[in-house]
C-alpha atoms as a PDB file:
ATOM      1  CA  MET A   1      -1.263  60.161 -54.976  1.00  0.00           C
ATOM      2  CA  ARG A   2      -4.475  58.155 -53.527  1.00  0.00           C
ATOM      3  CA  ARG A   3      -3.634  55.800 -56.374  1.00  0.00           C
ATOM      4  CA  THR A   4      -0.285  55.175 -55.266  1.00  0.00           C
ATOM      5  CA  ILE A   5      -0.987  54.394 -51.682  1.00  0.00           C
ATOM      6  CA  LEU A   6      -3.557  52.193 -52.834  1.00  0.00           C
ATOM      7  CA  ILE A   7      -1.521  49.371 -54.940  1.00  0.00           C
ATOM      8  CA  LEU A   8       1.490  49.303 -52.307  1.00  0.00           C
ATOM      9  CA  THR A   9      -1.221  48.250 -49.492  1.00  0.00           C
ATOM     10  CA  ILE A  10      -2.161  46.090 -51.939  1.00  0.00           C
ATOM     11  CA  LEU A  11       1.397  44.741 -53.840  1.00  0.00           C
ATOM     12  CA  ALA A  12       2.233  44.414 -50.007  1.00  0.00           C
ATOM     13  CA  VAL A  13      -0.366  42.092 -48.651  1.00  0.00           C
ATOM     14  CA  ALA A  14       0.244  40.261 -52.354  1.00  0.00           C
ATOM     15  CA  LEU A  15       4.302  40.043 -51.132  1.00  0.00           C
ATOM     16  CA  LEU A  16       3.537  38.616 -47.328  1.00  0.00           C
ATOM     17  CA  GLY A  17       0.194  37.110 -47.347  1.00  0.00           C
ATOM     18  CA  CYS A  18      -3.112  37.399 -45.268  1.00  0.00           C
ATOM     19  CA  PRO A  19      -2.517  36.244 -41.459  1.00  0.00           C
ATOM     20  CA  ALA A  20      -5.278  34.830 -41.078  1.00  0.00           C
ATOM     21  CA  GLU A  21      -4.056  32.499 -43.793  1.00  0.00           C
ATOM     22  CA  LYS A  22      -0.941  32.448 -42.364  1.00  0.00           C
ATOM     23  CA  ALA A  23      -2.021  31.374 -38.997  1.00  0.00           C
ATOM     24  CA  LYS A  24      -4.142  28.323 -41.025  1.00  0.00           C
ATOM     25  CA  THR A  25      -1.422  27.710 -43.427  1.00  0.00           C
ATOM     26  CA  ALA A  26       0.653  26.782 -39.775  1.00  0.00           C
ATOM     27  CA  ASP A  27      -1.989  25.076 -38.155  1.00  0.00           C
ATOM     28  CA  GLU A  28      -2.318  22.473 -41.151  1.00  0.00           C
ATOM     29  CA  SER A  29       1.754  22.279 -40.968  1.00  0.00           C
ATOM     30  CA  LYS A  30       1.827  20.809 -37.177  1.00  0.00           C
ATOM     31  CA  ALA A  31      -1.397  18.681 -38.656  1.00  0.00           C
ATOM     32  CA  VAL A  32       0.740  17.148 -40.950  1.00  0.00           C
ATOM     33  CA  LYS A  33       3.318  16.208 -38.764  1.00  0.00           C
ATOM     34  CA  ALA A  34       1.419  15.044 -36.545  1.00  0.00           C
ATOM     35  CA  GLU A  35      -0.036  12.076 -38.467  1.00  0.00           C
ATOM     36  CA  ALA A  36       0.185   8.834 -37.035  1.00  0.00           C
ATOM     37  CA  THR A  37       2.740   6.846 -39.318  1.00  0.00           C
ATOM     38  CA  GLY A  38       5.627   5.970 -38.881  1.00  0.00           C
ATOM     39  CA  ASP A  39       7.258   5.806 -34.887  1.00  0.00           C
ATOM     40  CA  ASN A  40       3.750   6.950 -33.764  1.00  0.00           C
ATOM     41  CA  VAL A  41       1.078   4.509 -33.217  1.00  0.00           C
ATOM     42  CA  ALA A  42      -1.426   7.305 -32.911  1.00  0.00           C
ATOM     43  CA  VAL A  43      -2.357  10.899 -32.210  1.00  0.00           C
ATOM     44  CA  VAL A  44      -4.852  12.474 -30.264  1.00  0.00           C
ATOM     45  CA  GLY A  45      -5.216  16.119 -30.390  1.00  0.00           C
ATOM     46  CA  ASP A  46      -1.821  17.523 -29.636  1.00  0.00           C
ATOM     47  CA  HIS A  47      -0.984  14.289 -28.239  1.00  0.00           C
ATOM     48  CA  VAL A  48       1.568  12.252 -29.898  1.00  0.00           C
ATOM     49  CA  ILE A  49       1.796   8.610 -28.862  1.00  0.00           C
ATOM     50  CA  ASN A  50       4.840   6.670 -29.594  1.00  0.00           C
ATOM     51  CA  THR A  51       5.931   3.078 -29.869  1.00  0.00           C
ATOM     52  CA  ALA A  52       8.224   4.176 -26.859  1.00  0.00           C
ATOM     53  CA  ALA A  53       4.700   4.709 -24.810  1.00  0.00           C
ATOM     54  CA  PHE A  54       3.099   1.908 -26.057  1.00  0.00           C
ATOM     55  CA  GLN A  55       6.569  -0.196 -25.472  1.00  0.00           C
ATOM     56  CA  THR A  56       5.788   2.036 -21.485  1.00  0.00           C
ATOM     57  CA  GLU A  57       2.554  -0.036 -20.995  1.00  0.00           C
ATOM     58  CA  VAL A  58       3.492  -3.278 -22.287  1.00  0.00           C
ATOM     59  CA  ASP A  59       6.197  -2.718 -19.621  1.00  0.00           C
ATOM     60  CA  LYS A  60       4.242  -2.763 -17.072  1.00  0.00           C
ATOM     61  CA  LEU A  61       2.183  -6.096 -17.551  1.00  0.00           C
ATOM     62  CA  PRO A  62       3.392  -9.443 -15.705  1.00  0.00           C
ATOM     63  CA  GLN A  63       6.184 -11.502 -17.994  1.00  0.00           C
ATOM     64  CA  GLN A  64       3.392 -13.723 -18.687  1.00  0.00           C
ATOM     65  CA  HIS A  65       0.902 -11.194 -20.525  1.00  0.00           C
ATOM     66  CA  ARG A  66       3.264  -9.359 -22.771  1.00  0.00           C
ATOM     67  CA  ALA A  67       3.482 -11.914 -25.574  1.00  0.00           C
ATOM     68  CA  TRP A  68      -0.504 -11.397 -26.203  1.00  0.00           C
ATOM     69  CA  THR A  69       0.825  -7.337 -26.579  1.00  0.00           C
ATOM     70  CA  GLN A  70       2.354  -8.804 -29.867  1.00  0.00           C
ATOM     71  CA  THR A  71      -1.056  -9.603 -31.232  1.00  0.00           C
ATOM     72  CA  PRO A  72      -3.155  -7.693 -33.252  1.00  0.00           C
ATOM     73  CA  GLN A  73      -5.797  -7.641 -30.267  1.00  0.00           C
ATOM     74  CA  GLY A  74      -3.269  -6.824 -27.836  1.00  0.00           C
ATOM     75  CA  ARG A  75      -1.881  -3.821 -29.693  1.00  0.00           C
ATOM     76  CA  LYS A  76      -4.949  -2.747 -30.394  1.00  0.00           C
ATOM     77  CA  TYR A  77      -6.459  -3.183 -26.189  1.00  0.00           C
ATOM     78  CA  ILE A  78      -2.976  -0.988 -25.555  1.00  0.00           C
ATOM     79  CA  VAL A  79      -3.182   1.803 -28.083  1.00  0.00           C
ATOM     80  CA  ASP A  80      -7.677   2.456 -26.924  1.00  0.00           C
ATOM     81  CA  ASN A  81      -6.828   2.771 -23.590  1.00  0.00           C
ATOM     82  CA  LEU A  82      -3.730   5.641 -24.193  1.00  0.00           C
ATOM     83  CA  VAL A  83      -6.015   6.863 -26.846  1.00  0.00           C
ATOM     84  CA  GLU A  84      -8.902   7.203 -23.725  1.00  0.00           C
ATOM     85  CA  GLY A  85      -6.665   8.198 -21.578  1.00  0.00           C
ATOM     86  CA  PHE A  86      -6.187  11.435 -23.113  1.00  0.00           C
ATOM     87  CA  LEU A  87      -9.320  12.202 -25.392  1.00  0.00           C
ATOM     88  CA  ILE A  88     -10.380  12.143 -20.688  1.00  0.00           C
ATOM     89  CA  GLU A  89      -8.686  14.400 -19.792  1.00  0.00           C
ATOM     90  CA  ASP A  90      -8.353  16.516 -22.627  1.00  0.00           C
ATOM     91  CA  GLU A  91     -12.513  16.768 -21.619  1.00  0.00           C
ATOM     92  CA  ALA A  92     -12.163  16.483 -18.190  1.00  0.00           C
ATOM     93  CA  LYS A  93      -9.829  20.218 -18.815  1.00  0.00           C
ATOM     94  CA  ARG A  94     -12.048  21.857 -20.916  1.00  0.00           C
ATOM     95  CA  ARG A  95     -14.706  21.228 -18.104  1.00  0.00           C
ATOM     96  CA  GLY A  96     -12.445  23.308 -14.798  1.00  0.00           C
ATOM     97  CA  VAL A  97     -12.357  19.546 -13.959  1.00  0.00           C
ATOM     98  CA  ASP A  98      -8.536  20.021 -12.869  1.00  0.00           C
ATOM     99  CA  LYS A  99      -9.388  23.943 -11.231  1.00  0.00           C
ATOM    100  CA  ARG A 100     -12.045  21.704  -8.503  1.00  0.00           C
ATOM    101  CA  PRO A 101     -10.464  22.096  -5.026  1.00  0.00           C
ATOM    102  CA  ASP A 102     -11.268  18.758  -3.837  1.00  0.00           C
ATOM    103  CA  VAL A 103      -9.895  17.338  -7.710  1.00  0.00           C
ATOM    104  CA  VAL A 104      -6.719  19.772  -6.531  1.00  0.00           C
ATOM    105  CA  GLN A 105      -6.238  18.404  -3.060  1.00  0.00           C
ATOM    106  CA  LYS A 106      -6.317  14.337  -4.456  1.00  0.00           C
ATOM    107  CA  ILE A 107      -3.385  14.888  -7.038  1.00  0.00           C
ATOM    108  CA  ASP A 108      -1.486  17.286  -4.581  1.00  0.00           C
ATOM    109  CA  ASN A 109      -1.404  14.656  -2.269  1.00  0.00           C
ATOM    110  CA  TYR A 110      -0.759  12.378  -4.540  1.00  0.00           C
ATOM    111  CA  ARG A 111       2.678  14.281  -5.685  1.00  0.00           C
ATOM    112  CA  ARG A 112       3.505  13.693  -2.401  1.00  0.00           C
ATOM    113  CA  GLN A 113       3.171  10.143  -2.289  1.00  0.00           C
ATOM    114  CA  LEU A 114       5.339   9.973  -5.533  1.00  0.00           C
ATOM    115  CA  LEU A 115       7.926  12.307  -4.022  1.00  0.00           C
ATOM    116  CA  LYS A 116       8.164   9.858  -1.437  1.00  0.00           C
ATOM    117  CA  ASP A 117       8.662   7.127  -2.550  1.00  0.00           C
ATOM    118  CA  GLY A 118      10.666   8.116  -4.998  1.00  0.00           C
ATOM    119  CA  LEU A 119      13.110  10.120  -1.731  1.00  0.00           C
ATOM    120  CA  MET A 120      12.548   6.708   0.088  1.00  0.00           C
ATOM    121  CA  GLU A 121      14.027   4.968  -3.111  1.00  0.00           C
ATOM    122  CA  ASP A 122      17.419   6.451  -2.856  1.00  0.00           C
ATOM    123  CA  ILE A 123      18.056   6.843   0.820  1.00  0.00           C
ATOM    124  CA  LEU A 124      17.867   3.198   0.874  1.00  0.00           C
ATOM    125  CA  LYS A 125      19.453   2.262  -1.849  1.00  0.00           C
ATOM    126  CA  GLY A 126      21.782  -0.232  -0.535  1.00  0.00           C
ATOM    127  CA  GLU A 127      21.023   0.621   3.124  1.00  0.00           C
ATOM    128  CA  THR A 128      19.034  -1.998   3.864  1.00  0.00           C
ATOM    129  CA  GLN A 129      20.378  -5.210   2.578  1.00  0.00           C
ATOM    130  CA  VAL A 130      20.365  -8.397   4.777  1.00  0.00           C
ATOM    131  CA  THR A 131      22.850 -11.189   4.956  1.00  0.00           C
ATOM    132  CA  ASP A 132      22.831 -14.686   5.152  1.00  0.00           C
ATOM    133  CA  ALA A 133      24.601 -13.628   8.026  1.00  0.00           C
ATOM    134  CA  ASP A 134      22.020 -11.687   9.352  1.00  0.00           C
ATOM    135  CA  VAL A 135      19.357 -14.508   9.011  1.00  0.00           C
ATOM    136  CA  GLN A 136      21.504 -16.733  10.522  1.00  0.00           C
ATOM    137  CA  LYS A 137      22.259 -14.304  13.737  1.00  0.00           C
ATOM    138  CA  TYR A 138      18.528 -13.611  14.290  1.00  0.00           C
ATOM    139  CA  PHE A 139      17.769 -17.342  13.934  1.00  0.00           C
ATOM    140  CA  ASP A 140      20.212 -18.520  16.614  1.00  0.00           C
ATOM    141  CA  GLY A 141      19.468 -15.674  18.729  1.00  0.00           C
ATOM    142  CA  HIS A 142      15.133 -15.951  19.197  1.00  0.00           C
ATOM    143  CA  PRO A 143      14.486 -20.219  19.035  1.00  0.00           C
ATOM    144  CA  ALA A 144      11.172 -19.926  20.973  1.00  0.00           C
ATOM    145  CA  GLU A 145      10.208 -18.159  17.352  1.00  0.00           C
ATOM    146  CA  PHE A 146      10.624 -20.784  15.285  1.00  0.00           C
ATOM    147  CA  ARG A 147       9.510 -23.644  18.125  1.00  0.00           C
ATOM    148  CA  GLN A 148       6.192 -25.265  17.342  1.00  0.00           C
ATOM    149  CA  PRO A 149       4.747 -26.585  20.949  1.00  0.00           C
ATOM    150  CA  GLU A 150       2.188 -29.799  20.786  1.00  0.00           C
ATOM    151  CA  ARG A 151      -1.356 -28.489  18.968  1.00  0.00           C
ATOM    152  CA  VAL A 152      -4.415 -30.697  19.232  1.00  0.00           C
ATOM    153  CA  LYS A 153      -7.168 -30.871  17.156  1.00  0.00           C
ATOM    154  CA  VAL A 154     -10.553 -31.766  17.796  1.00  0.00           C
ATOM    155  CA  LEU A 155     -14.657 -30.732  17.019  1.00  0.00           C
ATOM    156  CA  ASP A 156     -16.345 -29.018  20.099  1.00  0.00           C
ATOM    157  CA  ILE A 157     -20.229 -28.506  21.000  1.00  0.00           C
ATOM    158  CA  VAL A 158     -20.769 -26.464  23.410  1.00  0.00           C
ATOM    159  CA  LEU A 159     -23.773 -26.775  26.169  1.00  0.00           C
ATOM    160  CA  ALA A 160     -25.217 -23.568  28.368  1.00  0.00           C
ATOM    161  CA  LYS A 161     -25.909 -26.603  31.313  1.00  0.00           C
ATOM    162  CA  GLU A 162     -24.149 -29.420  32.351  1.00  0.00           C
ATOM    163  CA  ASP A 163     -27.050 -32.483  31.865  1.00  0.00           C
ATOM    164  CA  GLU A 164     -27.684 -31.220  28.473  1.00  0.00           C
ATOM    165  CA  ALA A 165     -23.839 -31.432  27.680  1.00  0.00           C
ATOM    166  CA  LYS A 166     -24.356 -34.854  29.265  1.00  0.00           C
ATOM    167  CA  ALA A 167     -27.376 -35.907  27.133  1.00  0.00           C
ATOM    168  CA  VAL A 168     -25.353 -35.494  23.694  1.00  0.00           C
ATOM    169  CA  VAL A 169     -22.334 -37.374  25.164  1.00  0.00           C
ATOM    170  CA  ALA A 170     -24.593 -40.066  25.455  1.00  0.00           C
ATOM    171  CA  GLN A 171     -26.382 -39.291  22.261  1.00  0.00           C
ATOM    172  CA  LEU A 172     -22.880 -39.744  20.530  1.00  0.00           C
ATOM    173  CA  ASN A 173     -21.954 -42.404  21.963  1.00  0.00           C
ATOM    174  CA  LYS A 174     -24.802 -44.563  20.666  1.00  0.00           C
ATOM    175  CA  GLY A 175     -23.627 -43.160  16.833  1.00  0.00           C
ATOM    176  CA  ALA A 176     -24.972 -39.869  16.694  1.00  0.00           C
ATOM    177  CA  ASP A 177     -23.108 -36.732  14.206  1.00  0.00           C
ATOM    178  CA  PHE A 178     -21.149 -34.874  16.005  1.00  0.00           C
ATOM    179  CA  ALA A 179     -21.808 -32.172  13.239  1.00  0.00           C
ATOM    180  CA  ALA A 180     -25.158 -32.502  12.735  1.00  0.00           C
ATOM    181  CA  LEU A 181     -26.030 -31.924  16.805  1.00  0.00           C
ATOM    182  CA  ALA A 182     -22.541 -29.102  16.907  1.00  0.00           C
ATOM    183  CA  ARG A 183     -25.162 -27.524  14.369  1.00  0.00           C
ATOM    184  CA  GLU A 184     -28.055 -27.442  16.394  1.00  0.00           C
ATOM    185  CA  LYS A 185     -27.112 -27.451  19.823  1.00  0.00           C
ATOM    186  CA  SER A 186     -24.656 -25.037  19.885  1.00  0.00           C
ATOM    187  CA  VAL A 187     -24.717 -22.530  22.095  1.00  0.00           C
ATOM    188  CA  ASP A 188     -20.972 -20.797  20.422  1.00  0.00           C
ATOM    189  CA  PRO A 189     -21.922 -19.223  17.707  1.00  0.00           C
ATOM    190  CA  TYR A 190     -18.237 -19.784  16.214  1.00  0.00           C
ATOM    191  CA  THR A 191     -18.670 -23.848  16.390  1.00  0.00           C
ATOM    192  CA  LYS A 192     -22.246 -23.821  15.682  1.00  0.00           C
ATOM    193  CA  GLU A 193     -21.223 -22.350  12.286  1.00  0.00           C
ATOM    194  CA  ARG A 194     -18.863 -23.981  11.619  1.00  0.00           C
ATOM    195  CA  SER A 195     -20.377 -27.650  12.142  1.00  0.00           C
ATOM    196  CA  GLY A 196     -18.284 -28.637  15.824  1.00  0.00           C
ATOM    197  CA  ASP A 197     -14.885 -27.409  13.851  1.00  0.00           C
ATOM    198  CA  LEU A 198     -12.290 -25.934  15.616  1.00  0.00           C
ATOM    199  CA  PRO A 199      -9.107 -24.789  14.711  1.00  0.00           C
ATOM    200  CA  GLU A 200      -6.258 -26.421  16.180  1.00  0.00           C
ATOM    201  CA  PHE A 201      -4.735 -25.480  19.371  1.00  0.00           C
ATOM    202  CA  THR A 202      -1.762 -25.513  21.837  1.00  0.00           C
ATOM    203  CA  LYS A 203      -1.730 -25.527  25.722  1.00  0.00           C
ATOM    204  CA  ASP A 204      -1.007 -21.793  25.857  1.00  0.00           C
ATOM    205  CA  MET A 205      -4.159 -20.934  23.535  1.00  0.00           C
ATOM    206  CA  ARG A 206      -6.969 -22.574  24.837  1.00  0.00           C
ATOM    207  CA  GLN A 207      -5.510 -24.026  28.319  1.00  0.00           C
ATOM    208  CA  GLU A 208      -8.980 -25.174  29.855  1.00  0.00           C
ATOM    209  CA  LEU A 209      -9.377 -27.556  26.736  1.00  0.00           C
ATOM    210  CA  PHE A 210      -6.119 -28.538  25.946  1.00  0.00           C
ATOM    211  CA  ALA A 211      -4.994 -31.044  29.211  1.00  0.00           C
ATOM    212  CA  ASP A 212      -8.581 -33.240  28.055  1.00  0.00           C
ATOM    213  CA  ALA A 213      -8.003 -33.191  24.543  1.00  0.00           C
ATOM    214  CA  ALA A 214      -4.438 -33.252  25.226  1.00  0.00           C
ATOM    215  CA  ALA A 215      -5.746 -37.110  27.474  1.00  0.00           C
ATOM    216  CA  ALA A 216      -7.309 -38.593  24.591  1.00  0.00           C
ATOM    217  CA  LYS A 217      -6.143 -41.573  23.119  1.00  0.00           C
ATOM    218  CA  LYS A 218      -7.733 -42.334  19.612  1.00  0.00           C
ATOM    219  CA  PRO A 219      -9.240 -40.357  16.640  1.00  0.00           C
ATOM    220  CA  GLY A 220     -13.016 -40.504  17.632  1.00  0.00           C
ATOM    221  CA  GLN A 221     -12.802 -40.756  20.840  1.00  0.00           C
ATOM    222  CA  ILE A 222     -15.616 -37.960  22.880  1.00  0.00           C
ATOM    223  CA  ILE A 223     -14.953 -35.893  25.797  1.00  0.00           C
ATOM    224  CA  GLY A 224     -16.579 -33.938  28.253  1.00  0.00           C
ATOM    225  CA  PRO A 225     -18.332 -32.768  29.735  1.00  0.00           C
ATOM    226  CA  VAL A 226     -15.778 -29.737  30.302  1.00  0.00           C
ATOM    227  CA  LYS A 227     -16.213 -26.775  32.326  1.00  0.00           C
ATOM    228  CA  THR A 228     -14.538 -23.035  30.914  1.00  0.00           C
ATOM    229  CA  SER A 229     -16.361 -19.706  31.422  1.00  0.00           C
ATOM    230  CA  GLN A 230     -18.276 -20.543  27.775  1.00  0.00           C
ATOM    231  CA  GLY A 231     -20.801 -23.580  29.282  1.00  0.00           C
ATOM    232  CA  PHE A 232     -19.691 -27.081  29.508  1.00  0.00           C
ATOM    233  CA  HIS A 233     -17.617 -29.159  26.126  1.00  0.00           C
ATOM    234  CA  VAL A 234     -18.302 -31.870  24.221  1.00  0.00           C
ATOM    235  CA  MET A 235     -15.793 -32.892  22.391  1.00  0.00           C
ATOM    236  CA  LYS A 236     -14.316 -35.725  19.388  1.00  0.00           C
ATOM    237  CA  PHE A 237     -10.535 -35.675  19.533  1.00  0.00           C
ATOM    238  CA  VAL A 238      -9.956 -35.665  15.952  1.00  0.00           C
ATOM    239  CA  LYS A 239      -5.288 -36.083  16.373  1.00  0.00           C
ATOM    240  CA  LYS A 240      -2.359 -34.278  18.372  1.00  0.00           C
ATOM    241  CA  ILE A 241       0.400 -32.713  16.818  1.00  0.00           C
ATOM    242  CA  PRO A 242       3.580 -33.528  17.994  1.00  0.00           C
ATOM    243  CA  PRO A 243       6.378 -29.967  18.662  1.00  0.00           C
ATOM    244  CA  GLU A 244       8.332 -28.870  15.450  1.00  0.00           C
ATOM    245  CA  GLU A 245      10.790 -26.890  15.300  1.00  0.00           C
ATOM    246  CA  LYS A 246      11.580 -25.303  12.365  1.00  0.00           C
ATOM    247  CA  THR A 247      14.915 -25.496  10.350  1.00  0.00           C
ATOM    248  CA  ILE A 248      17.028 -21.995   8.582  1.00  0.00           C
ATOM    249  CA  ASP A 249      16.191 -23.446   5.126  1.00  0.00           C
ATOM    250  CA  GLN A 250      12.755 -23.584   5.587  1.00  0.00           C
ATOM    251  CA  VAL A 251      12.060 -20.099   7.312  1.00  0.00           C
ATOM    252  CA  LYS A 252      14.791 -18.453   5.536  1.00  0.00           C
ATOM    253  CA  ASP A 253      12.895 -16.427   2.488  1.00  0.00           C
ATOM    254  CA  SER A 254       9.929 -15.308   5.083  1.00  0.00           C
ATOM    255  CA  LEU A 255      12.032 -14.563   7.360  1.00  0.00           C
ATOM    256  CA  LYS A 256      15.088 -12.466   5.479  1.00  0.00           C
ATOM    257  CA  ALA A 257      12.323 -10.131   3.958  1.00  0.00           C
ATOM    258  CA  ARG A 258      10.828  -9.706   7.724  1.00  0.00           C
ATOM    259  CA  LEU A 259      14.769  -8.513   8.366  1.00  0.00           C
ATOM    260  CA  GLN A 260      14.609  -6.486   5.071  1.00  0.00           C
ATOM    261  CA  ALA A 261      11.393  -4.658   5.690  1.00  0.00           C
ATOM    262  CA  MET A 262      12.366  -4.002   9.826  1.00  0.00           C
ATOM    263  CA  LYS A 263      15.319  -2.201   8.920  1.00  0.00           C
ATOM    264  CA  ARG A 264      13.794  -0.285   6.164  1.00  0.00           C
ATOM    265  CA  GLN A 265      11.390   0.666   8.872  1.00  0.00           C
ATOM    266  CA  GLU A 266      15.122   1.597  10.997  1.00  0.00           C
ATOM    267  CA  ALA A 267      16.202   3.568   8.458  1.00  0.00           C
ATOM    268  CA  TYR A 268      13.048   5.618   7.489  1.00  0.00           C
ATOM    269  CA  ASN A 269      12.840   6.412  10.699  1.00  0.00           C
ATOM    270  CA  GLY A 270      16.493   7.879  11.664  1.00  0.00           C
ATOM    271  CA  PHE A 271      16.255   9.284   8.440  1.00  0.00           C
ATOM    272  CA  LEU A 272      13.038  11.333   9.028  1.00  0.00           C
ATOM    273  CA  LYS A 273      14.709  12.393  13.086  1.00  0.00           C
ATOM    274  CA  ASN A 274      17.546  13.501  11.867  1.00  0.00           C
ATOM    275  CA  LEU A 275      15.569  15.855   9.356  1.00  0.00           C
ATOM    276  CA  ARG A 276      13.231  16.930  11.819  1.00  0.00           C
ATOM    277  CA  GLU A 277      16.741  17.876  13.936  1.00  0.00           C
ATOM    278  CA  GLN A 278      17.523  19.558  10.843  1.00  0.00           C
ATOM    279  CA  THR A 279      14.561  21.881  10.454  1.00  0.00           C
ATOM    280  CA  LYS A 280      12.475  23.818  13.168  1.00  0.00           C
ATOM    281  CA  VAL A 281       9.473  22.715  14.044  1.00  0.00           C
ATOM    282  CA  SER A 282       6.829  23.425  16.080  1.00  0.00           C
ATOM    283  CA  VAL A 283       3.885  22.070  16.971  1.00  0.00           C
ATOM    284  CA  ASN A 284       0.777  22.832  18.456  1.00  0.00           C
ATOM    285  CA  ASP A 285       0.462  20.983  21.384  1.00  0.00           C
ATOM    286  CA  GLU A 286      -2.264  21.820  23.113  1.00  0.00           C
ATOM    287  CA  PHE A 287      -4.304  21.189  19.637  1.00  0.00           C
ATOM    288  CA  VAL A 288      -2.767  17.353  19.545  1.00  0.00           C
ATOM    289  CA  ALA A 289      -4.491  16.694  22.890  1.00  0.00           C
ATOM    290  CA  GLY A 290      -8.326  18.284  21.991  1.00  0.00           C
ATOM    291  CA  PRO A 291      -9.980  20.023  24.129  1.00  0.00           C
ATOM    292  CA  LYS A 292     -10.014  19.380  27.682  1.00  0.00           C
ATOM    293  CA  ALA A 293     -13.009  17.955  29.347  1.00  0.00           C
ATOM    294  CA  PRO A 294     -15.129  20.121  30.805  1.00  0.00           C
ATOM    295  CA  PRO A 295     -15.006  19.686  34.694  1.00  0.00           C
ATOM    296  CA  PRO A 296     -17.568  18.300  36.530  1.00  0.00           C
ATOM    297  CA  PRO A 297     -20.083  20.260  38.253  1.00  0.00           C
ATOM    298  CA  GLN A 298     -20.267  21.434  41.260  1.00  0.00           C
ATOM    299  CA  GLN A 299     -22.228  20.344  43.454  1.00  0.00           C
ATOM    300  CA  PRO A 300     -23.851  22.921  46.703  1.00  0.00           C
ATOM    301  CA  LEU A 301     -22.365  23.243  49.505  1.00  0.00           C
ATOM    302  CA  PRO A 302     -24.771  21.921  52.338  1.00  0.00           C
ATOM    303  CA  LYS A 303     -25.802  24.235  54.931  1.00  0.00           C
ATOM    304  CA  ALA A 304     -23.980  24.749  57.616  1.00  0.00           C
ATOM    305  CA  VAL A 305     -25.978  24.017  60.733  1.00  0.00           C
ATOM    306  CA  PRO A 306     -25.383  25.435  63.734  1.00  0.00           C
ATOM    307  CA  ALA A 307     -23.158  23.969  66.793  1.00  0.00           C
ATOM    308  CA  GLN A 308     -26.111  22.877  69.513  1.00  0.00           C
ATOM    309  CA  GLN A 309     -24.966  25.071  73.048  1.00  0.00           C
ATOM    310  CA  PRO A 310     -24.341  22.641  75.636  1.00  0.00           C
ATOM    311  CA  ARG A 311     -27.630  23.222  78.050  1.00  0.00           C
ATOM    312  CA  PRO A 312     -27.258  24.874  81.428  1.00  0.00           C
ATOM    313  CA  PRO A 313     -27.736  21.662  83.878  1.00  0.00           C
ATOM    314  CA  ALA A 314     -31.142  21.967  85.959  1.00  0.00           C
ATOM    315  CA  PRO A 315     -31.427  23.267  89.294  1.00  0.00           C
ATOM    316  CA  THR A 316     -31.525  21.134  91.467  1.00  0.00           C
ATOM    317  CA  ALA A 317     -33.596  21.187  94.971  1.00  0.00           C
ATOM    318  CA  PRO A 318     -31.853  22.855  97.637  1.00  0.00           C
ATOM    319  CA  LYS A 319     -31.650  19.656 100.587  1.00  0.00           C
ATOM    320  CA  GLY A 320     -33.239  20.724 103.725  1.00  0.00           C
ATOM    321  CA  LYS A 321     -31.875  21.490 107.129  1.00  0.00           C
END
């Protein structure tokens, strides 16, 4: 009887195969399927990188660089990056990096940002288009925004004392180099570092200097000293730029982009407002306000001084009869 059972067991093992051997065969079969041939450009462990994944990386590149990806060097560069990405990802998981609290928090933050970006694409699609009529209406309604007032361009040296400024004027009138004097003597760090160079300015920008600068008659004329809150200015006139009005064609593209951004922001604010109204939101106002400042220490009250009682009148001597 025992012999019969042993024979049956041997036959069953022979017919069904050893479980360990069967598992090994399955792994080998899987490995055979995952080969870097045909549509698969690389295999990294259990990850298969196909031509679609390769093309996705190509599409991320600027148009002028995509032709390079059709060369052997370009293809190798992209495939190596994809392979390295999976190698790093798998090793990070093996070490448990993906479970670290700081990494989990960053992943969650990034996930929320991606969801926000995707949602914004949905709710703003077709809702924030700016037409040429919108641009023209804004342009016509804000003329001052596209009008450039008169500007002047000067070189500038700032001195602390008036007699120092007069001495610099004398040197300049004798042919001294303005840039060298600015580097040597200006007490204003900005003009000192820039050899006296001062950006163009309008009356509203530098009212204390504009009148004297605009009154200059020819390039190279020395102006000053002009007293301001900074000190005493000695200027060299460079040029005067007359007022200029921008045309709609000059600002159309930039204005359209600005109006587009404004409309997107308005749409987002309205959408967010509706969400808050539809959802129960409770905010701890005390926490937002922050801790209250401690009350100022109370000064001890001065001790009360007893009021002085009026003295009785001094007795007077009786009058003689």
